[in-house]
Amino acid sequence: MTSSHLHEWQSKLPYKDTVQPVLFVGHGSPMNAIQNNAFTQEWNALGETLETPIAILCISAHWLTNGTFVTNMEAPKTIHDFGGFPQELFDVQYPAKGLPTLAEEITHHITSTHVGLDDEWGLDHGAWSVISHMYPKANIPVVQMSIDYFKPPEYHYKLAQQLLELRKKGVLIVGSGNMVHNLKMIAWDKVEQTYGFDWALEINELFKTKITYGNHKDLINYKSLHNDIVKAIPTPDHYYPLLYTLGLQTSKDDIQFFNDTPVAGSLTMTSVKIG
């Protein structure tokens, strides 16, 4: 898009008096969607304490694409993108509306790549399992943005920076994944326990230190951070949403960690509120 086209385009989203925070949420098991536990109670508390957003933009670990896309439908479907869980979980419907106006806004803000408008995806469990606890009335419109799985970490960080203006317009941006996420190494005998392998705890603390001190460069180049990093991040799908969150941080933002808990040895639910 040329600069003249950007100048001619007028945003349809209003500015707000306050800047919305940004969240990275460790979403963990899909079962959290239907459970009342320490994690979901924190999500519920967020929905009750944050200023009500005009919309939510969610970057979920579970929408991986070739290219970058945003959902553009008025009524996104609830996607049950998992297997082997009780029928109760498959029966969940989260009927939040979409917001094509926000989808269009995103295509204008992101100038480093083409952003496609998607009319097929909907809301996957990385989005609705968390947001349904934050806003159980489904009264906040939700738009999802996909993760281009064929791009390097820096691409995602820099793309997120182009969305900073949305925070000033009342949009709550949520990255949903897990800092440490290795399903193949789960300690199945400790699934219901607060437990982390030594390497998982060490790497999780390393991530928190880097986040606290704003050392984003090291987090972008995460593969060289630790000898066991491949155990924590065997594939980057659940890590990339964190980079989107960090890309939206400003020098004025405070950092708060919540749900800072290891699960089943090789997962951490550690989450971050920025701003």
C-alpha atoms as a PDB file:
ATOM      1  CA  MET A   1       0.000   0.000   0.000  1.00  0.00           C
ATOM      2  CA  THR A   2       1.390   3.408  -0.953  1.00  0.00           C
ATOM      3  CA  SER A   3       1.696   6.308   1.479  1.00  0.00           C
ATOM      4  CA  SER A   4      -0.971   8.208  -0.472  1.00  0.00           C
ATOM      5  CA  HIS A   5      -3.406   5.338   0.016  1.00  0.00           C
ATOM      6  CA  LEU A   6      -2.610   5.274   3.735  1.00  0.00           C
ATOM      7  CA  HIS A   7      -3.274   9.010   3.895  1.00  0.00           C
ATOM      8  CA  GLU A   8      -6.610   8.648   2.115  1.00  0.00           C
ATOM      9  CA  TRP A   9      -7.781   5.784   4.343  1.00  0.00           C
ATOM     10  CA  GLN A  10      -9.724   6.799   7.436  1.00  0.00           C
ATOM     11  CA  SER A  11      -9.925   4.578  10.475  1.00  0.00           C
ATOM     12  CA  LYS A  12     -13.403   3.549  11.579  1.00  0.00           C
ATOM     13  CA  LEU A  13     -12.313   2.652  15.113  1.00  0.00           C
ATOM     14  CA  PRO A  14     -12.553   5.368  17.785  1.00  0.00           C
ATOM     15  CA  TYR A  15      -9.639   6.433  19.961  1.00  0.00           C
ATOM     16  CA  LYS A  16      -9.945   5.758  23.697  1.00  0.00           C
ATOM     17  CA  ASP A  17      -8.611   7.816  26.608  1.00  0.00           C
ATOM     18  CA  THR A  18      -6.588   4.914  27.976  1.00  0.00           C
ATOM     19  CA  VAL A  19      -4.221   2.428  26.373  1.00  0.00           C
ATOM     20  CA  GLN A  20      -5.186  -1.232  26.563  1.00  0.00           C
ATOM     21  CA  PRO A  21      -2.647  -3.657  28.011  1.00  0.00           C
ATOM     22  CA  VAL A  22      -1.329  -6.636  26.063  1.00  0.00           C
ATOM     23  CA  LEU A  23      -1.571 -10.214  27.316  1.00  0.00           C
ATOM     24  CA  PHE A  24       0.396 -13.345  26.703  1.00  0.00           C
ATOM     25  CA  VAL A  25      -1.647 -16.212  28.116  1.00  0.00           C
ATOM     26  CA  GLY A  26      -0.431 -19.751  28.666  1.00  0.00           C
ATOM     27  CA  HIS A  27      -3.563 -21.634  27.652  1.00  0.00           C
ATOM     28  CA  GLY A  28      -2.474 -25.207  28.420  1.00  0.00           C
ATOM     29  CA  SER A  29      -4.939 -28.074  28.055  1.00  0.00           C
ATOM     30  CA  PRO A  30      -8.237 -27.511  26.219  1.00  0.00           C
ATOM     31  CA  MET A  31      -9.880 -28.860  29.384  1.00  0.00           C
ATOM     32  CA  ASN A  32      -9.240 -25.497  31.001  1.00  0.00           C
ATOM     33  CA  ALA A  33     -12.170 -24.246  28.939  1.00  0.00           C
ATOM     34  CA  ILE A  34     -14.633 -26.173  31.113  1.00  0.00           C
ATOM     35  CA  GLN A  35     -12.776 -26.259  34.422  1.00  0.00           C
ATOM     36  CA  ASN A  36     -12.808 -23.974  37.427  1.00  0.00           C
ATOM     37  CA  ASN A  37      -9.206 -23.944  38.560  1.00  0.00           C
ATOM     38  CA  ALA A  38      -6.451 -21.512  39.549  1.00  0.00           C
ATOM     39  CA  PHE A  39      -5.677 -20.710  35.910  1.00  0.00           C
ATOM     40  CA  THR A  40      -9.229 -20.043  34.815  1.00  0.00           C
ATOM     41  CA  GLN A  41      -9.919 -18.000  37.942  1.00  0.00           C
ATOM     42  CA  GLU A  42      -7.074 -15.680  36.939  1.00  0.00           C
ATOM     43  CA  TRP A  43      -8.572 -15.361  33.454  1.00  0.00           C
ATOM     44  CA  ASN A  44     -11.937 -14.543  34.974  1.00  0.00           C
ATOM     45  CA  ALA A  45     -10.338 -11.913  37.209  1.00  0.00           C
ATOM     46  CA  LEU A  46      -8.698 -10.274  34.200  1.00  0.00           C
ATOM     47  CA  GLY A  47     -12.052  -9.895  32.501  1.00  0.00           C
ATOM     48  CA  GLU A  48     -13.463  -8.284  35.629  1.00  0.00           C
ATOM     49  CA  THR A  49     -10.594  -5.850  36.240  1.00  0.00           C
ATOM     50  CA  LEU A  50      -9.424  -4.739  32.798  1.00  0.00           C
ATOM     51  CA  GLU A  51     -11.136  -1.798  31.152  1.00  0.00           C
ATOM     52  CA  THR A  52     -13.702  -3.270  28.797  1.00  0.00           C
ATOM     53  CA  PRO A  53     -12.188  -3.420  25.307  1.00  0.00           C
ATOM     54  CA  ILE A  54     -14.073  -2.571  22.136  1.00  0.00           C
ATOM     55  CA  ALA A  55     -12.706  -5.797  20.640  1.00  0.00           C
ATOM     56  CA  ILE A  56     -10.114  -8.530  21.140  1.00  0.00           C
ATOM     57  CA  LEU A  57      -7.409  -9.449  18.656  1.00  0.00           C
ATOM     58  CA  CYS A  58      -6.051 -12.901  19.417  1.00  0.00           C
ATOM     59  CA  ILE A  59      -2.909 -14.505  18.016  1.00  0.00           C
ATOM     60  CA  SER A  60      -3.259 -18.199  18.792  1.00  0.00           C
ATOM     61  CA  ALA A  61      -0.696 -20.977  18.530  1.00  0.00           C
ATOM     62  CA  HIS A  62      -3.347 -23.039  16.764  1.00  0.00           C
ATOM     63  CA  TRP A  63      -3.802 -21.034  13.566  1.00  0.00           C
ATOM     64  CA  LEU A  64      -0.689 -21.629  11.485  1.00  0.00           C
ATOM     65  CA  THR A  65      -0.710 -20.541   7.856  1.00  0.00           C
ATOM     66  CA  ASN A  66       1.421 -19.747   4.832  1.00  0.00           C
ATOM     67  CA  GLY A  67       0.960 -15.992   4.839  1.00  0.00           C
ATOM     68  CA  THR A  68      -0.764 -13.748   7.381  1.00  0.00           C
ATOM     69  CA  PHE A  69      -4.550 -13.641   7.653  1.00  0.00           C
ATOM     70  CA  VAL A  70      -7.245 -12.128   9.868  1.00  0.00           C
ATOM     71  CA  THR A  71     -10.766 -13.429  10.406  1.00  0.00           C
ATOM     72  CA  ASN A  72     -13.279 -11.244   8.621  1.00  0.00           C
ATOM     73  CA  MET A  73     -16.652 -12.817   9.398  1.00  0.00           C
ATOM     74  CA  GLU A  74     -19.507 -11.304  11.413  1.00  0.00           C
ATOM     75  CA  ALA A  75     -20.069 -14.519  13.393  1.00  0.00           C
ATOM     76  CA  PRO A  76     -16.951 -16.717  13.737  1.00  0.00           C
ATOM     77  CA  LYS A  77     -17.593 -20.387  14.411  1.00  0.00           C
ATOM     78  CA  THR A  78     -16.253 -22.188  17.484  1.00  0.00           C
ATOM     79  CA  ILE A  79     -13.548 -24.578  16.283  1.00  0.00           C
ATOM     80  CA  HIS A  80     -12.967 -27.774  18.282  1.00  0.00           C
ATOM     81  CA  ASP A  81      -9.429 -28.412  17.048  1.00  0.00           C
ATOM     82  CA  PHE A  82      -8.506 -31.325  19.332  1.00  0.00           C
ATOM     83  CA  GLY A  83      -9.325 -34.966  19.946  1.00  0.00           C
ATOM     84  CA  GLY A  84      -9.652 -37.455  22.768  1.00  0.00           C
ATOM     85  CA  PHE A  85     -11.526 -35.186  25.166  1.00  0.00           C
ATOM     86  CA  PRO A  86     -14.982 -35.574  26.746  1.00  0.00           C
ATOM     87  CA  GLN A  87     -18.088 -34.651  24.776  1.00  0.00           C
ATOM     88  CA  GLU A  88     -18.736 -31.784  27.190  1.00  0.00           C
ATOM     89  CA  LEU A  89     -15.764 -29.956  25.695  1.00  0.00           C
ATOM     90  CA  PHE A  90     -16.947 -30.506  22.122  1.00  0.00           C
ATOM     91  CA  ASP A  91     -20.365 -29.162  23.090  1.00  0.00           C
ATOM     92  CA  VAL A  92     -18.943 -25.765  24.042  1.00  0.00           C
ATOM     93  CA  GLN A  93     -19.960 -22.923  21.774  1.00  0.00           C
ATOM     94  CA  TYR A  94     -18.541 -19.437  22.229  1.00  0.00           C
ATOM     95  CA  PRO A  95     -20.803 -17.151  20.196  1.00  0.00           C
ATOM     96  CA  ALA A  96     -18.731 -13.955  20.237  1.00  0.00           C
ATOM     97  CA  LYS A  97     -19.227 -11.752  17.204  1.00  0.00           C
ATOM     98  CA  GLY A  98     -16.475 -10.911  14.781  1.00  0.00           C
ATOM     99  CA  LEU A  99     -15.544  -7.378  13.752  1.00  0.00           C
ATOM    100  CA  PRO A 100     -14.749  -6.923  10.046  1.00  0.00           C
ATOM    101  CA  THR A 101     -14.008  -3.259  10.729  1.00  0.00           C
ATOM    102  CA  LEU A 102     -11.072  -4.318  12.906  1.00  0.00           C
ATOM    103  CA  ALA A 103      -9.945  -6.871  10.325  1.00  0.00           C
ATOM    104  CA  GLU A 104      -9.842  -4.113   7.708  1.00  0.00           C
ATOM    105  CA  GLU A 105      -8.004  -1.839  10.143  1.00  0.00           C
ATOM    106  CA  ILE A 106      -5.298  -4.461  10.605  1.00  0.00           C
ATOM    107  CA  THR A 107      -4.735  -4.753   6.851  1.00  0.00           C
ATOM    108  CA  HIS A 108      -4.009  -1.021   6.742  1.00  0.00           C
ATOM    109  CA  HIS A 109      -1.710  -0.933   9.758  1.00  0.00           C
ATOM    110  CA  ILE A 110       0.481  -3.817   8.603  1.00  0.00           C
ATOM    111  CA  THR A 111       2.535  -2.583   5.675  1.00  0.00           C
ATOM    112  CA  SER A 112       5.439  -5.062   5.768  1.00  0.00           C
ATOM    113  CA  THR A 113       3.374  -7.848   4.198  1.00  0.00           C
ATOM    114  CA  HIS A 114       0.000  -8.511   2.639  1.00  0.00           C
ATOM    115  CA  VAL A 115      -2.666  -9.489   5.160  1.00  0.00           C
ATOM    116  CA  GLY A 116      -5.477 -11.595   3.777  1.00  0.00           C
ATOM    117  CA  LEU A 117      -9.091 -11.403   4.933  1.00  0.00           C
ATOM    118  CA  ASP A 118     -10.294 -14.871   5.932  1.00  0.00           C
ATOM    119  CA  ASP A 119     -13.940 -15.959   5.929  1.00  0.00           C
ATOM    120  CA  GLU A 120     -13.463 -19.608   6.894  1.00  0.00           C
ATOM    121  CA  TRP A 121     -11.458 -20.044  10.122  1.00  0.00           C
ATOM    122  CA  GLY A 122     -13.334 -18.809  13.193  1.00  0.00           C
ATOM    123  CA  LEU A 123     -12.124 -19.101  16.811  1.00  0.00           C
ATOM    124  CA  ASP A 124      -9.854 -22.019  17.729  1.00  0.00           C
ATOM    125  CA  HIS A 125      -9.410 -23.303  21.272  1.00  0.00           C
ATOM    126  CA  GLY A 126      -6.298 -21.189  21.820  1.00  0.00           C
ATOM    127  CA  ALA A 127      -8.657 -18.230  21.638  1.00  0.00           C
ATOM    128  CA  TRP A 128     -12.014 -19.320  23.029  1.00  0.00           C
ATOM    129  CA  SER A 129     -10.773 -21.519  25.896  1.00  0.00           C
ATOM    130  CA  VAL A 130      -9.239 -18.399  27.467  1.00  0.00           C
ATOM    131  CA  ILE A 131     -11.576 -15.640  26.307  1.00  0.00           C
ATOM    132  CA  SER A 132     -14.671 -17.587  27.377  1.00  0.00           C
ATOM    133  CA  HIS A 133     -13.481 -17.278  30.979  1.00  0.00           C
ATOM    134  CA  MET A 134     -12.536 -13.616  30.632  1.00  0.00           C
ATOM    135  CA  TYR A 135     -15.806 -12.644  28.965  1.00  0.00           C
ATOM    136  CA  PRO A 136     -18.309 -15.469  29.555  1.00  0.00           C
ATOM    137  CA  LYS A 137     -21.173 -13.412  28.118  1.00  0.00           C
ATOM    138  CA  ALA A 138     -19.410 -13.440  24.716  1.00  0.00           C
ATOM    139  CA  ASN A 139     -20.187  -9.726  24.479  1.00  0.00           C
ATOM    140  CA  ILE A 140     -16.798  -8.593  23.147  1.00  0.00           C
ATOM    141  CA  PRO A 141     -16.097  -9.045  19.410  1.00  0.00           C
ATOM    142  CA  VAL A 142     -13.101 -11.285  18.654  1.00  0.00           C
ATOM    143  CA  VAL A 143     -10.818 -11.284  15.620  1.00  0.00           C
ATOM    144  CA  GLN A 144      -8.008 -13.820  15.157  1.00  0.00           C
ATOM    145  CA  MET A 145      -4.769 -13.237  13.297  1.00  0.00           C
ATOM    146  CA  SER A 146      -2.850 -16.218  11.959  1.00  0.00           C
ATOM    147  CA  ILE A 147       0.821 -17.045  12.437  1.00  0.00           C
ATOM    148  CA  ASP A 148       2.821 -17.388   9.221  1.00  0.00           C
ATOM    149  CA  TYR A 149       4.658 -20.578  10.157  1.00  0.00           C
ATOM    150  CA  PHE A 150       7.178 -20.141   7.366  1.00  0.00           C
ATOM    151  CA  LYS A 151       8.617 -16.883   8.712  1.00  0.00           C
ATOM    152  CA  PRO A 152      11.437 -16.450  11.277  1.00  0.00           C
ATOM    153  CA  PRO A 153      10.936 -15.123  14.825  1.00  0.00           C
ATOM    154  CA  GLU A 154      11.937 -11.551  13.987  1.00  0.00           C
ATOM    155  CA  TYR A 155       9.206 -11.362  11.355  1.00  0.00           C
ATOM    156  CA  HIS A 156       6.516 -11.945  13.979  1.00  0.00           C
ATOM    157  CA  TYR A 157       8.009  -9.471  16.443  1.00  0.00           C
ATOM    158  CA  LYS A 158       8.236  -6.706  13.822  1.00  0.00           C
ATOM    159  CA  LEU A 159       4.769  -7.423  12.468  1.00  0.00           C
ATOM    160  CA  ALA A 160       3.327  -6.987  15.940  1.00  0.00           C
ATOM    161  CA  GLN A 161       4.982  -3.580  16.311  1.00  0.00           C
ATOM    162  CA  GLN A 162       2.810  -2.304  13.487  1.00  0.00           C
ATOM    163  CA  LEU A 163      -0.306  -3.002  15.554  1.00  0.00           C
ATOM    164  CA  LEU A 164       0.618  -0.736  18.470  1.00  0.00           C
ATOM    165  CA  GLU A 165      -1.909   1.902  17.429  1.00  0.00           C
ATOM    166  CA  LEU A 166      -4.731  -0.560  18.094  1.00  0.00           C
ATOM    167  CA  ARG A 167      -3.983  -0.459  21.812  1.00  0.00           C
ATOM    168  CA  LYS A 168      -4.963   3.223  21.754  1.00  0.00           C
ATOM    169  CA  LYS A 169      -8.254   2.378  20.118  1.00  0.00           C
ATOM    170  CA  GLY A 170      -9.521   0.071  22.828  1.00  0.00           C
ATOM    171  CA  VAL A 171      -8.408  -3.238  21.306  1.00  0.00           C
ATOM    172  CA  LEU A 172      -7.151  -5.865  23.738  1.00  0.00           C
ATOM    173  CA  ILE A 173      -4.430  -7.897  22.019  1.00  0.00           C
ATOM    174  CA  VAL A 174      -3.917 -11.426  23.358  1.00  0.00           C
ATOM    175  CA  GLY A 175      -1.171 -13.871  22.436  1.00  0.00           C
ATOM    176  CA  SER A 176      -2.186 -17.413  23.382  1.00  0.00           C
ATOM    177  CA  GLY A 177       0.384 -20.211  23.601  1.00  0.00           C
ATOM    178  CA  ASN A 178       2.825 -21.534  26.216  1.00  0.00           C
ATOM    179  CA  MET A 179       6.390 -20.459  26.984  1.00  0.00           C
ATOM    180  CA  VAL A 180       7.494 -24.034  27.606  1.00  0.00           C
ATOM    181  CA  HIS A 181       5.500 -26.562  25.580  1.00  0.00           C
ATOM    182  CA  ASN A 182       6.649 -30.094  24.854  1.00  0.00           C
ATOM    183  CA  LEU A 183       3.787 -32.582  24.604  1.00  0.00           C
ATOM    184  CA  LYS A 184       6.075 -35.495  23.781  1.00  0.00           C
ATOM    185  CA  MET A 185       7.860 -35.174  27.148  1.00  0.00           C
ATOM    186  CA  ILE A 186       4.783 -34.831  29.366  1.00  0.00           C
ATOM    187  CA  ALA A 187       5.035 -36.665  32.692  1.00  0.00           C
ATOM    188  CA  TRP A 188       1.702 -38.451  32.429  1.00  0.00           C
ATOM    189  CA  ASP A 189       1.869 -39.611  36.046  1.00  0.00           C
ATOM    190  CA  LYS A 190       1.949 -35.949  37.123  1.00  0.00           C
ATOM    191  CA  VAL A 191      -0.596 -34.414  34.755  1.00  0.00           C
ATOM    192  CA  GLU A 192      -2.775 -33.207  37.627  1.00  0.00           C
ATOM    193  CA  GLN A 193       0.156 -31.868  39.619  1.00  0.00           C
ATOM    194  CA  THR A 194       2.149 -28.657  39.752  1.00  0.00           C
ATOM    195  CA  TYR A 195       5.388 -30.109  38.522  1.00  0.00           C
ATOM    196  CA  GLY A 196       8.168 -29.106  36.147  1.00  0.00           C
ATOM    197  CA  PHE A 197      11.339 -30.812  35.006  1.00  0.00           C
ATOM    198  CA  ASP A 198      14.497 -28.988  36.078  1.00  0.00           C
ATOM    199  CA  TRP A 199      15.218 -27.818  32.530  1.00  0.00           C
ATOM    200  CA  ALA A 200      11.655 -26.525  32.121  1.00  0.00           C
ATOM    201  CA  LEU A 201      11.840 -24.519  35.335  1.00  0.00           C
ATOM    202  CA  GLU A 202      15.271 -23.127  34.458  1.00  0.00           C
ATOM    203  CA  ILE A 203      14.260 -22.033  30.965  1.00  0.00           C
ATOM    204  CA  ASN A 204      10.981 -20.564  32.194  1.00  0.00           C
ATOM    205  CA  GLU A 205      12.891 -18.449  34.735  1.00  0.00           C
ATOM    206  CA  LEU A 206      15.299 -17.390  31.999  1.00  0.00           C
ATOM    207  CA  PHE A 207      12.401 -16.235  29.836  1.00  0.00           C
ATOM    208  CA  LYS A 208      10.928 -14.279  32.736  1.00  0.00           C
ATOM    209  CA  THR A 209      14.242 -12.537  33.421  1.00  0.00           C
ATOM    210  CA  LYS A 210      14.632 -11.543  29.768  1.00  0.00           C
ATOM    211  CA  ILE A 211      11.052 -10.259  29.681  1.00  0.00           C
ATOM    212  CA  THR A 212      11.463  -8.318  32.930  1.00  0.00           C
ATOM    213  CA  TYR A 213      14.558  -6.507  31.666  1.00  0.00           C
ATOM    214  CA  GLY A 214      13.200  -5.968  28.174  1.00  0.00           C
ATOM    215  CA  ASN A 215      15.866  -8.060  26.479  1.00  0.00           C
ATOM    216  CA  HIS A 216      13.755  -8.801  23.441  1.00  0.00           C
ATOM    217  CA  LYS A 217      16.689  -9.468  21.147  1.00  0.00           C
ATOM    218  CA  ASP A 218      17.645 -12.566  23.119  1.00  0.00           C
ATOM    219  CA  LEU A 219      14.030 -13.746  23.134  1.00  0.00           C
ATOM    220  CA  ILE A 220      13.817 -13.331  19.368  1.00  0.00           C
ATOM    221  CA  ASN A 221      17.036 -15.319  19.030  1.00  0.00           C
ATOM    222  CA  TYR A 222      15.788 -17.858  21.555  1.00  0.00           C
ATOM    223  CA  LYS A 223      17.498 -20.856  19.961  1.00  0.00           C
ATOM    224  CA  SER A 224      20.851 -19.772  21.404  1.00  0.00           C
ATOM    225  CA  LEU A 225      19.544 -19.021  24.896  1.00  0.00           C
ATOM    226  CA  HIS A 226      20.000 -22.421  26.551  1.00  0.00           C
ATOM    227  CA  ASN A 227      21.398 -25.873  25.813  1.00  0.00           C
ATOM    228  CA  ASP A 228      17.995 -27.447  26.463  1.00  0.00           C
ATOM    229  CA  ILE A 229      15.949 -24.899  24.524  1.00  0.00           C
ATOM    230  CA  VAL A 230      14.891 -27.568  22.012  1.00  0.00           C
ATOM    231  CA  LYS A 231      13.174 -29.396  24.873  1.00  0.00           C
ATOM    232  CA  ALA A 232      11.230 -26.281  25.848  1.00  0.00           C
ATOM    233  CA  ILE A 233      10.437 -25.224  22.283  1.00  0.00           C
ATOM    234  CA  PRO A 234      10.623 -28.266  19.998  1.00  0.00           C
ATOM    235  CA  THR A 235       8.418 -26.349  17.560  1.00  0.00           C
ATOM    236  CA  PRO A 236       7.837 -22.581  17.757  1.00  0.00           C
ATOM    237  CA  ASP A 237       4.041 -22.509  17.367  1.00  0.00           C
ATOM    238  CA  HIS A 238       3.307 -21.965  21.077  1.00  0.00           C
ATOM    239  CA  TYR A 239       6.245 -19.578  21.502  1.00  0.00           C
ATOM    240  CA  TYR A 240       5.540 -17.171  18.643  1.00  0.00           C
ATOM    241  CA  PRO A 241       2.451 -15.622  20.345  1.00  0.00           C
ATOM    242  CA  LEU A 242       4.832 -14.400  23.066  1.00  0.00           C
ATOM    243  CA  LEU A 243       6.871 -12.518  20.452  1.00  0.00           C
ATOM    244  CA  TYR A 244       3.711 -10.788  19.199  1.00  0.00           C
ATOM    245  CA  THR A 245       3.016  -9.669  22.743  1.00  0.00           C
ATOM    246  CA  LEU A 246       6.552  -8.397  23.324  1.00  0.00           C
ATOM    247  CA  GLY A 247       6.516  -6.523  20.029  1.00  0.00           C
ATOM    248  CA  LEU A 248       3.688  -4.400  21.424  1.00  0.00           C
ATOM    249  CA  GLN A 249       5.507  -3.373  24.599  1.00  0.00           C
ATOM    250  CA  THR A 250       6.408   0.289  25.119  1.00  0.00           C
ATOM    251  CA  SER A 251       8.838   1.945  27.540  1.00  0.00           C
ATOM    252  CA  LYS A 252       5.889   3.042  29.698  1.00  0.00           C
ATOM    253  CA  ASP A 253       4.514  -0.462  30.247  1.00  0.00           C
ATOM    254  CA  ASP A 254       4.760  -2.367  33.506  1.00  0.00           C
ATOM    255  CA  ILE A 255       5.265  -6.126  33.495  1.00  0.00           C
ATOM    256  CA  GLN A 256       3.221  -8.526  35.627  1.00  0.00           C
ATOM    257  CA  PHE A 257       3.426 -12.317  35.575  1.00  0.00           C
ATOM    258  CA  PHE A 258       0.487 -14.514  36.498  1.00  0.00           C
ATOM    259  CA  ASN A 259      -0.355 -18.218  36.407  1.00  0.00           C
ATOM    260  CA  ASP A 260       3.376 -18.782  36.808  1.00  0.00           C
ATOM    261  CA  THR A 261       3.079 -22.535  37.248  1.00  0.00           C
ATOM    262  CA  PRO A 262       4.624 -25.628  35.624  1.00  0.00           C
ATOM    263  CA  VAL A 263       2.299 -28.451  34.604  1.00  0.00           C
ATOM    264  CA  ALA A 264       3.018 -32.121  33.846  1.00  0.00           C
ATOM    265  CA  GLY A 265       6.762 -31.613  33.730  1.00  0.00           C
ATOM    266  CA  SER A 266       7.186 -30.114  30.275  1.00  0.00           C
ATOM    267  CA  LEU A 267       4.628 -27.285  30.170  1.00  0.00           C
ATOM    268  CA  THR A 268       4.451 -23.904  31.867  1.00  0.00           C
ATOM    269  CA  MET A 269       1.330 -21.787  32.176  1.00  0.00           C
ATOM    270  CA  THR A 270       3.364 -18.633  32.838  1.00  0.00           C
ATOM    271  CA  SER A 271       1.514 -15.614  31.496  1.00  0.00           C
ATOM    272  CA  VAL A 272       2.354 -11.914  31.164  1.00  0.00           C
ATOM    273  CA  LYS A 273       0.378  -8.706  31.391  1.00  0.00           C
ATOM    274  CA  ILE A 274       2.126  -5.800  29.697  1.00  0.00           C
ATOM    275  CA  GLY A 275       0.802  -2.358  30.557  1.00  0.00           C
END
